[in-house]
Amino acid sequence: LFCGMALQAYCGLIEEHARDILRELDRIGVQVSSLLDTKYPT
């Protein structure tokens, strides 16, 4: 059970890393809109 909790923590880090990557790419002008849900305004 604890091992499962640890795995969930690693997976959570991967998803936040993906968001961090998208923020960095957007900052330097790389188009990332094709990955994003357009129902949000910004």
PDB file of all heavy atoms in Angstrom:
ATOM      1  N   LEU A   1       0.833  -1.201   0.000  1.00  0.00           N
ATOM      2  CA  LEU A   1       0.000   0.000   0.000  1.00  0.00           C
ATOM      3  C   LEU A   1       0.869   1.253   0.000  1.00  0.00           C
ATOM      4  O   LEU A   1       0.625   2.200  -0.758  1.00  0.00           O
ATOM      5  CB  LEU A   1      -0.930  -0.006   1.213  1.00  0.00           C
ATOM      6  CG  LEU A   1      -1.938   1.150   1.292  1.00  0.00           C
ATOM      7  CD1 LEU A   1      -2.839   1.158   0.059  1.00  0.00           C
ATOM      8  CD2 LEU A   1      -2.770   1.050   2.563  1.00  0.00           C
ATOM      9  N   PHE A   2       1.898   1.255   0.829  1.00  0.00           N
ATOM     10  CA  PHE A   2       2.821   2.390   0.851  1.00  0.00           C
ATOM     11  C   PHE A   2       3.553   2.521  -0.485  1.00  0.00           C
ATOM     12  O   PHE A   2       3.763   3.632  -0.985  1.00  0.00           O
ATOM     13  CB  PHE A   2       3.836   2.236   1.985  1.00  0.00           C
ATOM     14  CG  PHE A   2       4.932   3.259   1.947  1.00  0.00           C
ATOM     15  CD1 PHE A   2       4.660   4.592   2.236  1.00  0.00           C
ATOM     16  CD2 PHE A   2       6.219   2.899   1.585  1.00  0.00           C
ATOM     17  CE1 PHE A   2       5.669   5.547   2.178  1.00  0.00           C
ATOM     18  CE2 PHE A   2       7.232   3.843   1.523  1.00  0.00           C
ATOM     19  CZ  PHE A   2       6.953   5.166   1.829  1.00  0.00           C
ATOM     20  N   CYS A   3       3.920   1.389  -1.087  1.00  0.00           N
ATOM     21  CA  CYS A   3       4.587   1.428  -2.395  1.00  0.00           C
ATOM     22  C   CYS A   3       3.678   2.073  -3.442  1.00  0.00           C
ATOM     23  O   CYS A   3       4.142   2.825  -4.304  1.00  0.00           O
ATOM     24  CB  CYS A   3       4.972   0.012  -2.827  1.00  0.00           C
ATOM     25  SG  CYS A   3       6.362  -0.687  -1.902  1.00  0.00           S
ATOM     26  N   GLY A   4       2.383   1.781  -3.358  1.00  0.00           N
ATOM     27  CA  GLY A   4       1.438   2.406  -4.280  1.00  0.00           C
ATOM     28  C   GLY A   4       1.374   3.911  -4.076  1.00  0.00           C
ATOM     29  O   GLY A   4       1.260   4.673  -5.043  1.00  0.00           O
ATOM     30  N   MET A   5       1.447   4.352  -2.832  1.00  0.00           N
ATOM     31  CA  MET A   5       1.444   5.789  -2.553  1.00  0.00           C
ATOM     32  C   MET A   5       2.681   6.457  -3.146  1.00  0.00           C
ATOM     33  O   MET A   5       2.603   7.559  -3.696  1.00  0.00           O
ATOM     34  CB  MET A   5       1.395   6.019  -1.046  1.00  0.00           C
ATOM     35  CG  MET A   5       0.118   5.564  -0.379  1.00  0.00           C
ATOM     36  SD  MET A   5       0.198   5.774   1.428  1.00  0.00           S
ATOM     37  CE  MET A   5      -1.371   5.075   1.923  1.00  0.00           C
ATOM     38  N   ALA A   6       3.816   5.785  -3.023  1.00  0.00           N
ATOM     39  CA  ALA A   6       5.050   6.336  -3.583  1.00  0.00           C
ATOM     40  C   ALA A   6       4.939   6.451  -5.106  1.00  0.00           C
ATOM     41  O   ALA A   6       5.351   7.462  -5.696  1.00  0.00           O
ATOM     42  CB  ALA A   6       6.238   5.466  -3.199  1.00  0.00           C
ATOM     43  N   LEU A   7       4.377   5.429  -5.746  1.00  0.00           N
ATOM     44  CA  LEU A   7       4.223   5.473  -7.200  1.00  0.00           C
ATOM     45  C   LEU A   7       3.323   6.633  -7.607  1.00  0.00           C
ATOM     46  O   LEU A   7       3.591   7.334  -8.596  1.00  0.00           O
ATOM     47  CB  LEU A   7       3.643   4.157  -7.710  1.00  0.00           C
ATOM     48  CG  LEU A   7       3.426   4.080  -9.222  1.00  0.00           C
ATOM     49  CD1 LEU A   7       4.759   4.206  -9.963  1.00  0.00           C
ATOM     50  CD2 LEU A   7       2.723   2.786  -9.617  1.00  0.00           C
ATOM     51  N   GLN A   8       2.257   6.863  -6.848  1.00  0.00           N
ATOM     52  CA  GLN A   8       1.375   7.982  -7.162  1.00  0.00           C
ATOM     53  C   GLN A   8       2.108   9.310  -7.036  1.00  0.00           C
ATOM     54  O   GLN A   8       1.870  10.241  -7.819  1.00  0.00           O
ATOM     55  CB  GLN A   8       0.156   7.950  -6.238  1.00  0.00           C
ATOM     56  CG  GLN A   8      -0.772   6.772  -6.510  1.00  0.00           C
ATOM     57  CD  GLN A   8      -1.915   6.694  -5.514  1.00  0.00           C
ATOM     58  OE1 GLN A   8      -2.658   7.642  -5.357  1.00  0.00           O
ATOM     59  NE2 GLN A   8      -2.046   5.570  -4.833  1.00  0.00           N
ATOM     60  N   ALA A   9       3.021   9.405  -6.076  1.00  0.00           N
ATOM     61  CA  ALA A   9       3.796  10.636  -5.919  1.00  0.00           C
ATOM     62  C   ALA A   9       4.700  10.869  -7.127  1.00  0.00           C
ATOM     63  O   ALA A   9       4.793  11.994  -7.641  1.00  0.00           O
ATOM     64  CB  ALA A   9       4.634  10.567  -4.639  1.00  0.00           C
ATOM     65  N   TYR A  10       5.336   9.818  -7.621  1.00  0.00           N
ATOM     66  CA  TYR A  10       6.194   9.952  -8.809  1.00  0.00           C
ATOM     67  C   TYR A  10       5.373  10.368 -10.029  1.00  0.00           C
ATOM     68  O   TYR A  10       5.797  11.229 -10.809  1.00  0.00           O
ATOM     69  CB  TYR A  10       6.911   8.633  -9.093  1.00  0.00           C
ATOM     70  CG  TYR A  10       8.077   8.344  -8.179  1.00  0.00           C
ATOM     71  CD1 TYR A  10       8.083   7.229  -7.347  1.00  0.00           C
ATOM     72  CD2 TYR A  10       9.194   9.177  -8.162  1.00  0.00           C
ATOM     73  CE1 TYR A  10       9.158   6.957  -6.504  1.00  0.00           C
ATOM     74  CE2 TYR A  10      10.264   8.913  -7.319  1.00  0.00           C
ATOM     75  CZ  TYR A  10      10.234   7.799  -6.495  1.00  0.00           C
ATOM     76  OH  TYR A  10      11.309   7.538  -5.676  1.00  0.00           O
ATOM     77  N   CYS A  11       4.219   9.765 -10.189  1.00  0.00           N
ATOM     78  CA  CYS A  11       3.373  10.110 -11.339  1.00  0.00           C
ATOM     79  C   CYS A  11       2.890  11.552 -11.255  1.00  0.00           C
ATOM     80  O   CYS A  11       2.801  12.256 -12.269  1.00  0.00           O
ATOM     81  CB  CYS A  11       2.182   9.156 -11.424  1.00  0.00           C
ATOM     82  SG  CYS A  11       2.622   7.472 -11.895  1.00  0.00           S
ATOM     83  N   GLY A  12       2.585  12.008 -10.042  1.00  0.00           N
ATOM     84  CA  GLY A  12       2.205  13.399  -9.859  1.00  0.00           C
ATOM     85  C   GLY A  12       3.327  14.342 -10.258  1.00  0.00           C
ATOM     86  O   GLY A  12       3.084  15.400 -10.866  1.00  0.00           O
ATOM     87  N   LEU A  13       4.556  13.974  -9.946  1.00  0.00           N
ATOM     88  CA  LEU A  13       5.706  14.798 -10.330  1.00  0.00           C
ATOM     89  C   LEU A  13       5.854  14.862 -11.846  1.00  0.00           C
ATOM     90  O   LEU A  13       6.196  15.912 -12.405  1.00  0.00           O
ATOM     91  CB  LEU A  13       6.987  14.232  -9.706  1.00  0.00           C
ATOM     92  CG  LEU A  13       7.135  14.383  -8.190  1.00  0.00           C
ATOM     93  CD1 LEU A  13       8.441  13.755  -7.723  1.00  0.00           C
ATOM     94  CD2 LEU A  13       7.079  15.841  -7.769  1.00  0.00           C
ATOM     95  N   ILE A  14       5.583  13.754 -12.516  1.00  0.00           N
ATOM     96  CA  ILE A  14       5.673  13.734 -13.976  1.00  0.00           C
ATOM     97  C   ILE A  14       4.657  14.691 -14.588  1.00  0.00           C
ATOM     98  O   ILE A  14       4.963  15.444 -15.529  1.00  0.00           O
ATOM     99  CB  ILE A  14       5.447  12.301 -14.508  1.00  0.00           C
ATOM    100  CG1 ILE A  14       6.658  11.420 -14.189  1.00  0.00           C
ATOM    101  CG2 ILE A  14       5.179  12.310 -16.015  1.00  0.00           C
ATOM    102  CD1 ILE A  14       7.941  11.833 -14.898  1.00  0.00           C
ATOM    103  N   GLU A  15       3.448  14.696 -14.071  1.00  0.00           N
ATOM    104  CA  GLU A  15       2.417  15.573 -14.626  1.00  0.00           C
ATOM    105  C   GLU A  15       2.740  17.040 -14.369  1.00  0.00           C
ATOM    106  O   GLU A  15       2.539  17.893 -15.241  1.00  0.00           O
ATOM    107  CB  GLU A  15       1.053  15.181 -14.056  1.00  0.00           C
ATOM    108  CG  GLU A  15       0.595  13.816 -14.548  1.00  0.00           C
ATOM    109  CD  GLU A  15      -0.735  13.375 -13.961  1.00  0.00           C
ATOM    110  OE1 GLU A  15      -1.235  14.072 -13.041  1.00  0.00           O
ATOM    111  OE2 GLU A  15      -1.265  12.344 -14.414  1.00  0.00           O
ATOM    112  N   GLU A  16       3.266  17.354 -13.186  1.00  0.00           N
ATOM    113  CA  GLU A  16       3.665  18.738 -12.911  1.00  0.00           C
ATOM    114  C   GLU A  16       4.875  19.123 -13.770  1.00  0.00           C
ATOM    115  O   GLU A  16       4.988  20.264 -14.222  1.00  0.00           O
ATOM    116  CB  GLU A  16       3.984  18.913 -11.431  1.00  0.00           C
ATOM    117  CG  GLU A  16       4.490  20.299 -11.055  1.00  0.00           C
ATOM    118  CD  GLU A  16       3.544  21.433 -11.449  1.00  0.00           C
ATOM    119  OE1 GLU A  16       2.324  21.198 -11.583  1.00  0.00           O
ATOM    120  OE2 GLU A  16       4.030  22.562 -11.627  1.00  0.00           O
ATOM    121  N   HIS A  17       5.747  18.168 -14.023  1.00  0.00           N
ATOM    122  CA  HIS A  17       6.901  18.435 -14.894  1.00  0.00           C
ATOM    123  C   HIS A  17       6.436  18.781 -16.304  1.00  0.00           C
ATOM    124  O   HIS A  17       6.968  19.694 -16.935  1.00  0.00           O
ATOM    125  CB  HIS A  17       7.803  17.206 -14.921  1.00  0.00           C
ATOM    126  CG  HIS A  17       9.062  17.390 -15.712  1.00  0.00           C
ATOM    127  ND1 HIS A  17       9.912  18.463 -15.537  1.00  0.00           N
ATOM    128  CD2 HIS A  17       9.619  16.636 -16.700  1.00  0.00           C
ATOM    129  CE1 HIS A  17      10.944  18.364 -16.358  1.00  0.00           C
ATOM    130  NE2 HIS A  17      10.774  17.268 -17.078  1.00  0.00           N
ATOM    131  N   ALA A  18       5.432  18.059 -16.784  1.00  0.00           N
ATOM    132  CA  ALA A  18       4.885  18.357 -18.107  1.00  0.00           C
ATOM    133  C   ALA A  18       4.330  19.777 -18.146  1.00  0.00           C
ATOM    134  O   ALA A  18       4.522  20.510 -19.124  1.00  0.00           O
ATOM    135  CB  ALA A  18       3.802  17.343 -18.474  1.00  0.00           C
ATOM    136  N   ARG A  19       3.638  20.176 -17.075  1.00  0.00           N
ATOM    137  CA  ARG A  19       3.130  21.546 -17.019  1.00  0.00           C
ATOM    138  C   ARG A  19       4.274  22.561 -16.992  1.00  0.00           C
ATOM    139  O   ARG A  19       4.210  23.612 -17.640  1.00  0.00           O
ATOM    140  CB  ARG A  19       2.220  21.716 -15.795  1.00  0.00           C
ATOM    141  CG  ARG A  19       0.891  20.972 -15.898  1.00  0.00           C
ATOM    142  CD  ARG A  19      -0.044  21.305 -14.762  1.00  0.00           C
ATOM    143  NE  ARG A  19       0.347  20.662 -13.516  1.00  0.00           N
ATOM    144  CZ  ARG A  19      -0.078  19.454 -13.144  1.00  0.00           C
ATOM    145  NH1 ARG A  19      -0.880  18.739 -13.918  1.00  0.00           N
ATOM    146  NH2 ARG A  19       0.305  18.943 -11.984  1.00  0.00           N
ATOM    147  N   ASP A  20       5.312  22.241 -16.250  1.00  0.00           N
ATOM    148  CA  ASP A  20       6.484  23.124 -16.182  1.00  0.00           C
ATOM    149  C   ASP A  20       7.139  23.260 -17.552  1.00  0.00           C
ATOM    150  O   ASP A  20       7.550  24.363 -17.964  1.00  0.00           O
ATOM    151  CB  ASP A  20       7.482  22.549 -15.168  1.00  0.00           C
ATOM    152  CG  ASP A  20       8.500  23.573 -14.697  1.00  0.00           C
ATOM    153  OD1 ASP A  20       8.212  24.788 -14.766  1.00  0.00           O
ATOM    154  OD2 ASP A  20       9.584  23.157 -14.245  1.00  0.00           O
ATOM    155  N   ILE A  21       7.223  22.154 -18.268  1.00  0.00           N
ATOM    156  CA  ILE A  21       7.791  22.171 -19.623  1.00  0.00           C
ATOM    157  C   ILE A  21       6.954  23.080 -20.528  1.00  0.00           C
ATOM    158  O   ILE A  21       7.497  23.907 -21.289  1.00  0.00           O
ATOM    159  CB  ILE A  21       7.841  20.740 -20.200  1.00  0.00           C
ATOM    160  CG1 ILE A  21       8.857  19.878 -19.446  1.00  0.00           C
ATOM    161  CG2 ILE A  21       8.139  20.762 -21.702  1.00  0.00           C
ATOM    162  CD1 ILE A  21      10.298  20.310 -19.593  1.00  0.00           C
ATOM    163  N   LEU A  22       5.648  22.945 -20.456  1.00  0.00           N
ATOM    164  CA  LEU A  22       4.770  23.763 -21.297  1.00  0.00           C
ATOM    165  C   LEU A  22       4.902  25.245 -20.962  1.00  0.00           C
ATOM    166  O   LEU A  22       4.883  26.101 -21.858  1.00  0.00           O
ATOM    167  CB  LEU A  22       3.323  23.306 -21.138  1.00  0.00           C
ATOM    168  CG  LEU A  22       3.001  21.917 -21.705  1.00  0.00           C
ATOM    169  CD1 LEU A  22       1.564  21.527 -21.377  1.00  0.00           C
ATOM    170  CD2 LEU A  22       3.227  21.866 -23.205  1.00  0.00           C
ATOM    171  N   ARG A  23       5.058  25.554 -19.686  1.00  0.00           N
ATOM    172  CA  ARG A  23       5.241  26.960 -19.300  1.00  0.00           C
ATOM    173  C   ARG A  23       6.527  27.520 -19.899  1.00  0.00           C
ATOM    174  O   ARG A  23       6.568  28.657 -20.387  1.00  0.00           O
ATOM    175  CB  ARG A  23       5.274  27.081 -17.768  1.00  0.00           C
ATOM    176  CG  ARG A  23       3.952  26.756 -17.082  1.00  0.00           C
ATOM    177  CD  ARG A  23       4.025  27.009 -15.580  1.00  0.00           C
ATOM    178  NE  ARG A  23       2.827  26.509 -14.921  1.00  0.00           N
ATOM    179  CZ  ARG A  23       2.784  25.379 -14.210  1.00  0.00           C
ATOM    180  NH1 ARG A  23       3.873  24.645 -14.056  1.00  0.00           N
ATOM    181  NH2 ARG A  23       1.648  24.991 -13.642  1.00  0.00           N
ATOM    182  N   GLU A  24       7.589  26.741 -19.847  1.00  0.00           N
ATOM    183  CA  GLU A  24       8.872  27.186 -20.386  1.00  0.00           C
ATOM    184  C   GLU A  24       8.805  27.355 -21.903  1.00  0.00           C
ATOM    185  O   GLU A  24       9.323  28.329 -22.461  1.00  0.00           O
ATOM    186  CB  GLU A  24       9.973  26.193 -20.020  1.00  0.00           C
ATOM    187  CG  GLU A  24      10.340  26.172 -18.546  1.00  0.00           C
ATOM    188  CD  GLU A  24      11.054  27.433 -18.106  1.00  0.00           C
ATOM    189  OE1 GLU A  24      11.606  28.155 -18.967  1.00  0.00           O
ATOM    190  OE2 GLU A  24      11.060  27.718 -16.891  1.00  0.00           O
ATOM    191  N   LEU A  25       8.162  26.408 -22.561  1.00  0.00           N
ATOM    192  CA  LEU A  25       8.053  26.489 -24.018  1.00  0.00           C
ATOM    193  C   LEU A  25       7.204  27.690 -24.436  1.00  0.00           C
ATOM    194  O   LEU A  25       7.538  28.409 -25.387  1.00  0.00           O
ATOM    195  CB  LEU A  25       7.461  25.194 -24.579  1.00  0.00           C
ATOM    196  CG  LEU A  25       8.328  23.946 -24.419  1.00  0.00           C
ATOM    197  CD1 LEU A  25       7.547  22.706 -24.857  1.00  0.00           C
ATOM    198  CD2 LEU A  25       9.625  24.068 -25.216  1.00  0.00           C
ATOM    199  N   ASP A  26       6.109  27.897 -23.713  1.00  0.00           N
ATOM    200  CA  ASP A  26       5.261  29.052 -24.017  1.00  0.00           C
ATOM    201  C   ASP A  26       6.028  30.359 -23.800  1.00  0.00           C
ATOM    202  O   ASP A  26       5.880  31.313 -24.580  1.00  0.00           O
ATOM    203  CB  ASP A  26       4.018  29.015 -23.130  1.00  0.00           C
ATOM    204  CG  ASP A  26       3.091  30.201 -23.360  1.00  0.00           C
ATOM    205  OD1 ASP A  26       2.523  30.298 -24.467  1.00  0.00           O
ATOM    206  OD2 ASP A  26       2.942  31.020 -22.438  1.00  0.00           O
ATOM    207  N   ARG A  27       6.866  30.395 -22.797  1.00  0.00           N
ATOM    208  CA  ARG A  27       7.636  31.605 -22.484  1.00  0.00           C
ATOM    209  C   ARG A  27       8.576  32.005 -23.612  1.00  0.00           C
ATOM    210  O   ARG A  27       8.813  33.190 -23.857  1.00  0.00           O
ATOM    211  CB  ARG A  27       8.435  31.384 -21.191  1.00  0.00           C
ATOM    212  CG  ARG A  27       9.246  32.587 -20.728  1.00  0.00           C
ATOM    213  CD  ARG A  27       9.985  32.281 -19.435  1.00  0.00           C
ATOM    214  NE  ARG A  27      10.936  31.193 -19.594  1.00  0.00           N
ATOM    215  CZ  ARG A  27      12.161  31.345 -20.084  1.00  0.00           C
ATOM    216  NH1 ARG A  27      12.580  32.536 -20.492  1.00  0.00           N
ATOM    217  NH2 ARG A  27      12.980  30.307 -20.179  1.00  0.00           N
ATOM    218  N   ILE A  28       9.109  30.995 -24.330  1.00  0.00           N
ATOM    219  CA  ILE A  28      10.056  31.316 -25.416  1.00  0.00           C
ATOM    220  C   ILE A  28       9.370  31.313 -26.782  1.00  0.00           C
ATOM    221  O   ILE A  28      10.027  31.339 -27.820  1.00  0.00           O
ATOM    222  CB  ILE A  28      11.245  30.342 -25.431  1.00  0.00           C
ATOM    223  CG1 ILE A  28      10.789  28.893 -25.692  1.00  0.00           C
ATOM    224  CG2 ILE A  28      12.037  30.433 -24.129  1.00  0.00           C
ATOM    225  CD1 ILE A  28      11.935  27.905 -25.871  1.00  0.00           C
ATOM    226  N   GLY A  29       8.030  31.282 -26.769  1.00  0.00           N
ATOM    227  CA  GLY A  29       7.296  31.446 -28.017  1.00  0.00           C
ATOM    228  C   GLY A  29       6.977  30.181 -28.777  1.00  0.00           C
ATOM    229  O   GLY A  29       6.481  30.248 -29.913  1.00  0.00           O
ATOM    230  N   VAL A  30       7.214  29.011 -28.178  1.00  0.00           N
ATOM    231  CA  VAL A  30       6.855  27.758 -28.832  1.00  0.00           C
ATOM    232  C   VAL A  30       5.349  27.554 -28.700  1.00  0.00           C
ATOM    233  O   VAL A  30       4.779  27.719 -27.618  1.00  0.00           O
ATOM    234  CB  VAL A  30       7.607  26.567 -28.207  1.00  0.00           C
ATOM    235  CG1 VAL A  30       7.147  25.253 -28.824  1.00  0.00           C
ATOM    236  CG2 VAL A  30       9.107  26.739 -28.363  1.00  0.00           C
ATOM    237  N   GLN A  31       4.688  27.190 -29.790  1.00  0.00           N
ATOM    238  CA  GLN A  31       3.245  27.008 -29.776  1.00  0.00           C
ATOM    239  C   GLN A  31       2.883  25.695 -29.087  1.00  0.00           C
ATOM    240  O   GLN A  31       3.263  24.619 -29.547  1.00  0.00           O
ATOM    241  CB  GLN A  31       2.701  27.013 -31.207  1.00  0.00           C
ATOM    242  CG  GLN A  31       2.800  28.372 -31.885  1.00  0.00           C
ATOM    243  CD  GLN A  31       1.967  29.427 -31.169  1.00  0.00           C
ATOM    244  OE1 GLN A  31       0.813  29.176 -30.802  1.00  0.00           O
ATOM    245  NE2 GLN A  31       2.545  30.600 -30.959  1.00  0.00           N
ATOM    246  N   VAL A  32       2.163  25.807 -27.981  1.00  0.00           N
ATOM    247  CA  VAL A  32       1.751  24.618 -27.225  1.00  0.00           C
ATOM    248  C   VAL A  32       0.231  24.487 -27.178  1.00  0.00           C
ATOM    249  O   VAL A  32      -0.300  23.604 -26.493  1.00  0.00           O
ATOM    250  CB  VAL A  32       2.312  24.673 -25.782  1.00  0.00           C
ATOM    251  CG1 VAL A  32       3.825  24.701 -25.785  1.00  0.00           C
ATOM    252  CG2 VAL A  32       1.756  25.886 -25.030  1.00  0.00           C
ATOM    253  N   SER A  33      -0.477  25.335 -27.901  1.00  0.00           N
ATOM    254  CA  SER A  33      -1.941  25.385 -27.806  1.00  0.00           C
ATOM    255  C   SER A  33      -2.617  24.085 -28.224  1.00  0.00           C
ATOM    256  O   SER A  33      -3.712  23.768 -27.749  1.00  0.00           O
ATOM    257  CB  SER A  33      -2.485  26.540 -28.642  1.00  0.00           C
ATOM    258  OG  SER A  33      -2.084  26.408 -29.998  1.00  0.00           O
ATOM    259  N   SER A  34      -1.979  23.304 -29.095  1.00  0.00           N
ATOM    260  CA  SER A  34      -2.602  22.069 -29.574  1.00  0.00           C
ATOM    261  C   SER A  34      -2.769  21.043 -28.458  1.00  0.00           C
ATOM    262  O   SER A  34      -3.561  20.104 -28.589  1.00  0.00           O
ATOM    263  CB  SER A  34      -1.781  21.468 -30.709  1.00  0.00           C
ATOM    264  OG  SER A  34      -0.483  21.100 -30.253  1.00  0.00           O
ATOM    265  N   LEU A  35      -2.050  21.191 -27.361  1.00  0.00           N
ATOM    266  CA  LEU A  35      -2.151  20.266 -26.238  1.00  0.00           C
ATOM    267  C   LEU A  35      -3.150  20.701 -25.196  1.00  0.00           C
ATOM    268  O   LEU A  35      -3.484  19.926 -24.298  1.00  0.00           O
ATOM    269  CB  LEU A  35      -0.782  20.108 -25.548  1.00  0.00           C
ATOM    270  CG  LEU A  35       0.212  19.124 -26.157  1.00  0.00           C
ATOM    271  CD1 LEU A  35       0.895  19.733 -27.355  1.00  0.00           C
ATOM    272  CD2 LEU A  35       1.249  18.716 -25.126  1.00  0.00           C
ATOM    273  N   LEU A  36      -3.649  21.940 -25.286  1.00  0.00           N
ATOM    274  CA  LEU A  36      -4.376  22.535 -24.179  1.00  0.00           C
ATOM    275  C   LEU A  36      -5.874  22.617 -24.428  1.00  0.00           C
ATOM    276  O   LEU A  36      -6.323  22.715 -25.573  1.00  0.00           O
ATOM    277  CB  LEU A  36      -3.818  23.930 -23.906  1.00  0.00           C
ATOM    278  CG  LEU A  36      -2.298  23.998 -23.683  1.00  0.00           C
ATOM    279  CD1 LEU A  36      -1.859  25.433 -23.471  1.00  0.00           C
ATOM    280  CD2 LEU A  36      -1.865  23.120 -22.510  1.00  0.00           C
ATOM    281  N   ASP A  37      -6.620  22.592 -23.347  1.00  0.00           N
ATOM    282  CA  ASP A  37      -8.077  22.685 -23.397  1.00  0.00           C
ATOM    283  C   ASP A  37      -8.474  24.148 -23.545  1.00  0.00           C
ATOM    284  O   ASP A  37      -8.245  24.963 -22.649  1.00  0.00           O
ATOM    285  CB  ASP A  37      -8.668  22.102 -22.110  1.00  0.00           C
ATOM    286  CG  ASP A  37     -10.173  21.930 -22.180  1.00  0.00           C
ATOM    287  OD1 ASP A  37     -10.817  22.637 -22.975  1.00  0.00           O
ATOM    288  OD2 ASP A  37     -10.703  21.082 -21.428  1.00  0.00           O
ATOM    289  N   THR A  38      -9.080  24.483 -24.662  1.00  0.00           N
ATOM    290  CA  THR A  38      -9.383  25.879 -24.970  1.00  0.00           C
ATOM    291  C   THR A  38     -10.588  26.434 -24.209  1.00  0.00           C
ATOM    292  O   THR A  38     -10.934  27.605 -24.373  1.00  0.00           O
ATOM    293  CB  THR A  38      -9.634  26.042 -26.481  1.00  0.00           C
ATOM    294  OG1 THR A  38     -10.692  25.158 -26.872  1.00  0.00           O
ATOM    295  CG2 THR A  38      -8.382  25.720 -27.270  1.00  0.00           C
ATOM    296  N   LYS A  39     -11.221  25.630 -23.380  1.00  0.00           N
ATOM    297  CA  LYS A  39     -12.371  26.163 -22.641  1.00  0.00           C
ATOM    298  C   LYS A  39     -11.935  27.120 -21.530  1.00  0.00           C
ATOM    299  O   LYS A  39     -12.766  27.846 -20.975  1.00  0.00           O
ATOM    300  CB  LYS A  39     -13.216  25.037 -22.061  1.00  0.00           C
ATOM    301  CG  LYS A  39     -12.606  24.314 -20.871  1.00  0.00           C
ATOM    302  CD  LYS A  39     -13.561  23.229 -20.371  1.00  0.00           C
ATOM    303  CE  LYS A  39     -12.999  22.477 -19.168  1.00  0.00           C
ATOM    304  NZ  LYS A  39     -13.894  21.401 -18.709  1.00  0.00           N
ATOM    305  N   TYR A  40     -10.644  27.122 -21.215  1.00  0.00           N
ATOM    306  CA  TYR A  40     -10.131  28.065 -20.225  1.00  0.00           C
ATOM    307  C   TYR A  40      -9.627  29.319 -20.935  1.00  0.00           C
ATOM    308  O   TYR A  40      -9.026  29.234 -22.009  1.00  0.00           O
ATOM    309  CB  TYR A  40      -9.025  27.414 -19.397  1.00  0.00           C
ATOM    310  CG  TYR A  40      -9.510  26.189 -18.646  1.00  0.00           C
ATOM    311  CD1 TYR A  40      -9.251  24.908 -19.137  1.00  0.00           C
ATOM    312  CD2 TYR A  40     -10.257  26.318 -17.487  1.00  0.00           C
ATOM    313  CE1 TYR A  40      -9.725  23.783 -18.477  1.00  0.00           C
ATOM    314  CE2 TYR A  40     -10.730  25.190 -16.815  1.00  0.00           C
ATOM    315  CZ  TYR A  40     -10.458  23.937 -17.319  1.00  0.00           C
ATOM    316  OH  TYR A  40     -10.927  22.817 -16.662  1.00  0.00           O
ATOM    317  N   PRO A  41      -9.831  30.504 -20.344  1.00  0.00           N
ATOM    318  CA  PRO A  41      -9.584  31.754 -21.084  1.00  0.00           C
ATOM    319  C   PRO A  41      -8.126  32.099 -21.337  1.00  0.00           C
ATOM    320  O   PRO A  41      -7.822  32.769 -22.323  1.00  0.00           O
ATOM    321  CB  PRO A  41     -10.250  32.820 -20.187  1.00  0.00           C
ATOM    322  CG  PRO A  41     -10.280  32.209 -18.825  1.00  0.00           C
ATOM    323  CD  PRO A  41     -10.472  30.741 -19.043  1.00  0.00           C
ATOM    324  N   THR A  42      -7.210  31.673 -20.486  1.00  0.00           N
ATOM    325  CA  THR A  42      -5.808  32.048 -20.668  1.00  0.00           C
ATOM    326  C   THR A  42      -4.932  30.812 -20.819  1.00  0.00           C
ATOM    327  O   THR A  42      -5.296  29.717 -20.376  1.00  0.00           O
ATOM    328  CB  THR A  42      -5.289  32.866 -19.472  1.00  0.00           C
ATOM    329  OG1 THR A  42      -5.246  32.008 -18.305  1.00  0.00           O
ATOM    330  CG2 THR A  42      -6.203  34.064 -19.190  1.00  0.00           C
TER     331      THR A  42
END
